[in-house]
Structures are given as structure tokens and as C-alpha cells.
Amino acid sequence: MKQVVVVDDYIPCNCGEPAFAEPNGNELWVVLLEKAFAKIHGSFLAIRSGWISEALNTLTGAPYETIEGVNEEKAHDLFKKLLHCEKRNYAMGCGLQ
């Protein structure tokens, strides 16, 4: 489902720098994308410590898979799966909870 989100250029700042996402130099697209994501969810507070899979799915509509509890025994299979996904240019993210 597509949703149009309108954002302005007022960005929450701390000491003159964006308070949350860190832009690369003067590139503001990541900050504005984060603001749109926060607006969809109601606030910046609502998106703190979330799942990268939820963010990628919300922003792209692409399906996702969350893999938890990887141990040494499963690490080789996970690495093969990541290489498979990388070859297909899938969006991927990683996080710790």
C-alpha cells in the first residue's frame, strides 16, 4: 500500500546537528526519510530501538525475513544466505536487541 507522507525541513537538532540520523556531509535525504518514517509511526519516540526489517518494509514495501538466535553452528548457513541475497541486490540490515 502506497502512502504519501509530507514532511517539512524542520529537523530535530542537538547542538546544531541532527538529533537522530546522521547525514553524510550535507546530504539530508536520510534525515528527511527518517522524519517521514517517524511521522508514519506518530513520533520519533515511537521509532526508537525498532527493527530494521520493519523500517525497510515500510519504506520500500519489500518483503523481509528476520533471523534471530544465530549460533556458531548456524553461522555458515547464514553467511551463505547473506551472499545469496547480496548477489540479488536485496536490501539488508543488521541490528542488535
N, C-alpha and C. Protein backbone atom coordinates (compact mmCIF):
# COMPACT_ATOMS: atom_id res chain seq x y z
N MET A 1 0.84 -1.17 0.00
CA MET A 1 0.00 0.00 0.00
C MET A 1 0.89 1.25 0.00
N LYS A 2 0.68 2.11 -0.97
CA LYS A 2 1.44 3.36 -1.02
C LYS A 2 0.79 4.38 -0.10
N GLN A 3 1.63 5.17 0.52
CA GLN A 3 1.15 6.23 1.39
C GLN A 3 2.00 7.46 1.12
N VAL A 4 1.38 8.57 0.86
CA VAL A 4 2.10 9.82 0.67
C VAL A 4 2.30 10.47 2.02
N VAL A 5 3.54 10.83 2.32
CA VAL A 5 3.87 11.48 3.58
C VAL A 5 4.54 12.81 3.25
N VAL A 6 3.98 13.89 3.75
CA VAL A 6 4.55 15.21 3.51
C VAL A 6 5.36 15.62 4.73
N VAL A 7 6.61 15.98 4.50
CA VAL A 7 7.46 16.45 5.59
C VAL A 7 8.00 17.82 5.25
N ASP A 8 8.31 18.59 6.28
CA ASP A 8 8.94 19.89 6.06
C ASP A 8 10.43 19.74 6.37
N ASP A 9 11.16 20.84 6.30
CA ASP A 9 12.60 20.77 6.52
C ASP A 9 13.00 21.15 7.94
N TYR A 10 12.09 21.12 8.87
CA TYR A 10 12.41 21.35 10.27
C TYR A 10 12.86 20.02 10.88
N ILE A 11 14.11 19.95 11.26
CA ILE A 11 14.72 18.72 11.74
C ILE A 11 15.07 18.87 13.22
N PRO A 12 14.71 17.90 14.06
CA PRO A 12 15.13 17.97 15.46
C PRO A 12 16.65 17.97 15.55
N CYS A 13 17.19 18.93 16.28
CA CYS A 13 18.64 19.06 16.37
C CYS A 13 19.11 19.08 17.82
N ASN A 14 20.37 18.73 17.99
CA ASN A 14 21.04 18.78 19.28
C ASN A 14 22.39 19.45 19.04
N CYS A 15 22.59 20.61 19.60
CA CYS A 15 23.83 21.37 19.41
C CYS A 15 24.11 21.67 17.93
N GLY A 16 23.06 21.97 17.16
CA GLY A 16 23.21 22.35 15.76
C GLY A 16 23.32 21.18 14.79
N GLU A 17 23.31 19.95 15.27
CA GLU A 17 23.41 18.76 14.43
C GLU A 17 22.09 17.98 14.52
N PRO A 18 21.71 17.27 13.46
CA PRO A 18 20.50 16.43 13.55
C PRO A 18 20.58 15.52 14.77
N ALA A 19 19.48 15.44 15.50
CA ALA A 19 19.47 14.70 16.78
C ALA A 19 19.46 13.19 16.60
N PHE A 20 19.04 12.69 15.45
CA PHE A 20 18.89 11.24 15.31
C PHE A 20 19.76 10.71 14.17
N ALA A 21 19.23 10.61 12.96
CA ALA A 21 20.01 10.09 11.84
C ALA A 21 21.21 11.00 11.58
N GLU A 22 22.30 10.41 11.13
CA GLU A 22 23.50 11.17 10.82
C GLU A 22 23.68 11.27 9.31
N PRO A 23 23.53 12.48 8.76
CA PRO A 23 23.70 12.62 7.31
C PRO A 23 25.17 12.50 6.91
N ASN A 24 25.39 12.18 5.65
CA ASN A 24 26.73 12.12 5.09
C ASN A 24 27.02 13.51 4.51
N GLY A 25 27.77 14.31 5.24
CA GLY A 25 28.04 15.67 4.80
C GLY A 25 26.76 16.49 4.78
N ASN A 26 26.48 17.13 3.65
CA ASN A 26 25.29 17.97 3.52
C ASN A 26 24.08 17.22 2.95
N GLU A 27 24.18 15.91 2.79
CA GLU A 27 23.06 15.13 2.26
C GLU A 27 21.98 14.99 3.33
N LEU A 28 20.80 15.49 3.04
CA LEU A 28 19.73 15.45 4.02
C LEU A 28 18.69 14.36 3.75
N TRP A 29 18.85 13.58 2.69
CA TRP A 29 17.81 12.62 2.35
C TRP A 29 17.56 11.62 3.46
N VAL A 30 18.60 11.16 4.15
CA VAL A 30 18.40 10.17 5.21
C VAL A 30 17.65 10.78 6.40
N VAL A 31 17.91 12.05 6.69
CA VAL A 31 17.23 12.75 7.78
C VAL A 31 15.75 12.94 7.43
N LEU A 32 15.49 13.31 6.18
CA LEU A 32 14.09 13.52 5.76
C LEU A 32 13.34 12.19 5.67
N LEU A 33 14.03 11.13 5.24
CA LEU A 33 13.41 9.81 5.20
C LEU A 33 13.07 9.33 6.61
N GLU A 34 13.99 9.56 7.55
CA GLU A 34 13.73 9.20 8.94
C GLU A 34 12.54 9.99 9.49
N LYS A 35 12.46 11.26 9.12
CA LYS A 35 11.34 12.09 9.58
C LYS A 35 10.02 11.55 9.02
N ALA A 36 10.00 11.14 7.77
CA ALA A 36 8.79 10.56 7.19
C ALA A 36 8.41 9.28 7.92
N PHE A 37 9.40 8.44 8.22
CA PHE A 37 9.14 7.19 8.93
C PHE A 37 8.59 7.48 10.32
N ALA A 38 9.15 8.47 11.01
CA ALA A 38 8.65 8.86 12.34
C ALA A 38 7.22 9.39 12.24
N LYS A 39 6.94 10.13 11.18
CA LYS A 39 5.59 10.68 11.01
C LYS A 39 4.57 9.56 10.79
N ILE A 40 4.93 8.55 10.03
CA ILE A 40 4.05 7.39 9.81
C ILE A 40 3.72 6.72 11.14
N HIS A 41 4.71 6.65 12.02
CA HIS A 41 4.53 5.95 13.30
C HIS A 41 4.12 6.86 14.46
N GLY A 42 3.96 8.15 14.19
CA GLY A 42 3.44 9.05 15.22
C GLY A 42 4.44 9.97 15.89
N SER A 43 5.71 9.57 15.94
CA SER A 43 6.72 10.42 16.58
C SER A 43 8.09 9.77 16.44
N PHE A 44 9.13 10.55 16.73
CA PHE A 44 10.48 9.99 16.76
C PHE A 44 10.60 9.00 17.92
N LEU A 45 9.94 9.29 19.03
CA LEU A 45 9.97 8.40 20.18
C LEU A 45 9.42 7.02 19.82
N ALA A 46 8.42 6.99 18.97
CA ALA A 46 7.79 5.72 18.60
C ALA A 46 8.70 4.82 17.77
N ILE A 47 9.74 5.38 17.14
CA ILE A 47 10.61 4.56 16.28
C ILE A 47 11.96 4.26 16.91
N ARG A 48 12.15 4.65 18.15
CA ARG A 48 13.44 4.35 18.78
C ARG A 48 13.56 2.85 19.02
N SER A 49 14.73 2.35 18.84
CA SER A 49 15.08 0.93 19.03
C SER A 49 14.07 -0.03 18.38
N GLY A 50 13.75 0.24 17.12
CA GLY A 50 12.86 -0.65 16.38
C GLY A 50 13.64 -1.68 15.59
N TRP A 51 12.94 -2.38 14.73
CA TRP A 51 13.54 -3.41 13.89
C TRP A 51 13.84 -2.84 12.50
N ILE A 52 15.05 -3.08 12.00
CA ILE A 52 15.43 -2.61 10.66
C ILE A 52 14.51 -3.22 9.61
N SER A 53 14.06 -4.45 9.83
CA SER A 53 13.16 -5.10 8.86
C SER A 53 11.86 -4.33 8.72
N GLU A 54 11.33 -3.83 9.82
CA GLU A 54 10.09 -3.04 9.76
C GLU A 54 10.31 -1.75 8.99
N ALA A 55 11.44 -1.10 9.23
CA ALA A 55 11.73 0.15 8.53
C ALA A 55 11.87 -0.09 7.03
N LEU A 56 12.65 -1.10 6.64
CA LEU A 56 12.84 -1.38 5.21
C LEU A 56 11.52 -1.75 4.55
N ASN A 57 10.70 -2.54 5.23
CA ASN A 57 9.41 -2.92 4.67
C ASN A 57 8.49 -1.71 4.53
N THR A 58 8.45 -0.86 5.54
CA THR A 58 7.60 0.33 5.49
C THR A 58 8.03 1.26 4.36
N LEU A 59 9.32 1.45 4.19
CA LEU A 59 9.83 2.43 3.23
C LEU A 59 9.89 1.91 1.80
N THR A 60 10.01 0.58 1.63
CA THR A 60 10.15 0.04 0.28
C THR A 60 8.99 -0.86 -0.14
N GLY A 61 8.27 -1.42 0.82
CA GLY A 61 7.22 -2.38 0.50
C GLY A 61 7.75 -3.78 0.23
N ALA A 62 9.07 -3.94 0.29
CA ALA A 62 9.68 -5.24 0.01
C ALA A 62 9.41 -6.22 1.15
N PRO A 63 9.28 -7.50 0.83
CA PRO A 63 9.12 -8.50 1.90
C PRO A 63 10.41 -8.59 2.71
N TYR A 64 10.32 -9.15 3.89
CA TYR A 64 11.51 -9.26 4.72
C TYR A 64 11.49 -10.55 5.52
N GLU A 65 12.64 -10.88 6.03
CA GLU A 65 12.80 -12.03 6.91
C GLU A 65 13.67 -11.58 8.07
N THR A 66 13.28 -11.92 9.27
CA THR A 66 14.06 -11.61 10.46
C THR A 66 14.70 -12.91 10.94
N ILE A 67 15.99 -12.88 11.13
CA ILE A 67 16.73 -14.07 11.58
C ILE A 67 17.26 -13.78 12.97
N GLU A 68 16.88 -14.61 13.90
CA GLU A 68 17.32 -14.42 15.29
C GLU A 68 18.01 -15.68 15.79
N GLY A 69 18.78 -15.51 16.84
CA GLY A 69 19.37 -16.65 17.53
C GLY A 69 20.39 -17.42 16.72
N VAL A 70 21.25 -16.73 15.98
CA VAL A 70 22.28 -17.42 15.20
C VAL A 70 23.43 -17.80 16.13
N ASN A 71 23.77 -19.06 16.12
CA ASN A 71 24.91 -19.52 16.90
C ASN A 71 26.02 -19.97 15.95
N GLU A 72 27.13 -20.44 16.51
CA GLU A 72 28.26 -20.87 15.68
C GLU A 72 27.86 -21.95 14.68
N GLU A 73 27.00 -22.83 15.12
CA GLU A 73 26.55 -23.94 14.29
C GLU A 73 25.81 -23.46 13.03
N LYS A 74 25.05 -22.39 13.17
CA LYS A 74 24.24 -21.87 12.06
C LYS A 74 24.91 -20.75 11.28
N ALA A 75 26.08 -20.29 11.73
CA ALA A 75 26.74 -19.14 11.13
C ALA A 75 27.10 -19.37 9.66
N HIS A 76 27.58 -20.55 9.31
CA HIS A 76 27.96 -20.84 7.91
C HIS A 76 26.74 -20.74 6.99
N ASP A 77 25.62 -21.32 7.42
CA ASP A 77 24.40 -21.25 6.61
C ASP A 77 23.92 -19.82 6.46
N LEU A 78 24.01 -19.03 7.53
CA LEU A 78 23.60 -17.63 7.45
C LEU A 78 24.49 -16.87 6.48
N PHE A 79 25.79 -17.11 6.54
CA PHE A 79 26.71 -16.42 5.63
C PHE A 79 26.38 -16.75 4.17
N LYS A 80 26.09 -18.01 3.88
CA LYS A 80 25.70 -18.40 2.52
C LYS A 80 24.42 -17.69 2.09
N LYS A 81 23.48 -17.59 3.01
CA LYS A 81 22.22 -16.90 2.71
C LYS A 81 22.47 -15.41 2.44
N LEU A 82 23.32 -14.78 3.22
CA LEU A 82 23.64 -13.37 3.01
C LEU A 82 24.31 -13.15 1.66
N LEU A 83 25.22 -14.03 1.27
CA LEU A 83 25.86 -13.92 -0.05
C LEU A 83 24.83 -14.07 -1.16
N HIS A 84 23.90 -15.00 -1.01
CA HIS A 84 22.81 -15.20 -1.97
C HIS A 84 21.99 -13.91 -2.12
N CYS A 85 21.62 -13.32 -1.00
CA CYS A 85 20.83 -12.08 -1.01
C CYS A 85 21.61 -10.91 -1.60
N GLU A 86 22.89 -10.84 -1.28
CA GLU A 86 23.73 -9.75 -1.79
C GLU A 86 23.85 -9.82 -3.31
N LYS A 87 23.98 -11.02 -3.85
CA LYS A 87 24.07 -11.19 -5.31
C LYS A 87 22.80 -10.73 -6.01
N ARG A 88 21.68 -10.75 -5.31
CA ARG A 88 20.40 -10.34 -5.89
C ARG A 88 20.05 -8.89 -5.53
N ASN A 89 21.01 -8.20 -4.93
CA ASN A 89 20.84 -6.78 -4.56
C ASN A 89 19.66 -6.53 -3.62
N TYR A 90 19.40 -7.48 -2.72
CA TYR A 90 18.36 -7.28 -1.73
C TYR A 90 18.80 -6.22 -0.73
N ALA A 91 17.88 -5.43 -0.24
CA ALA A 91 18.18 -4.50 0.85
C ALA A 91 18.36 -5.33 2.10
N MET A 92 19.42 -5.06 2.83
CA MET A 92 19.70 -5.83 4.05
C MET A 92 20.08 -4.88 5.17
N GLY A 93 19.78 -5.30 6.37
CA GLY A 93 20.15 -4.51 7.54
C GLY A 93 20.49 -5.45 8.68
N CYS A 94 21.12 -4.90 9.68
CA CYS A 94 21.53 -5.70 10.82
C CYS A 94 21.35 -4.87 12.07
N GLY A 95 20.94 -5.50 13.13
CA GLY A 95 20.80 -4.80 14.40
C GLY A 95 20.93 -5.74 15.57
N LEU A 96 21.15 -5.18 16.72
CA LEU A 96 21.24 -5.95 17.95
C LEU A 96 20.15 -5.47 18.88
N GLN A 97 19.49 -6.38 19.54
CA GLN A 97 18.45 -6.04 20.51
C GLN A 97 18.89 -6.41 21.88
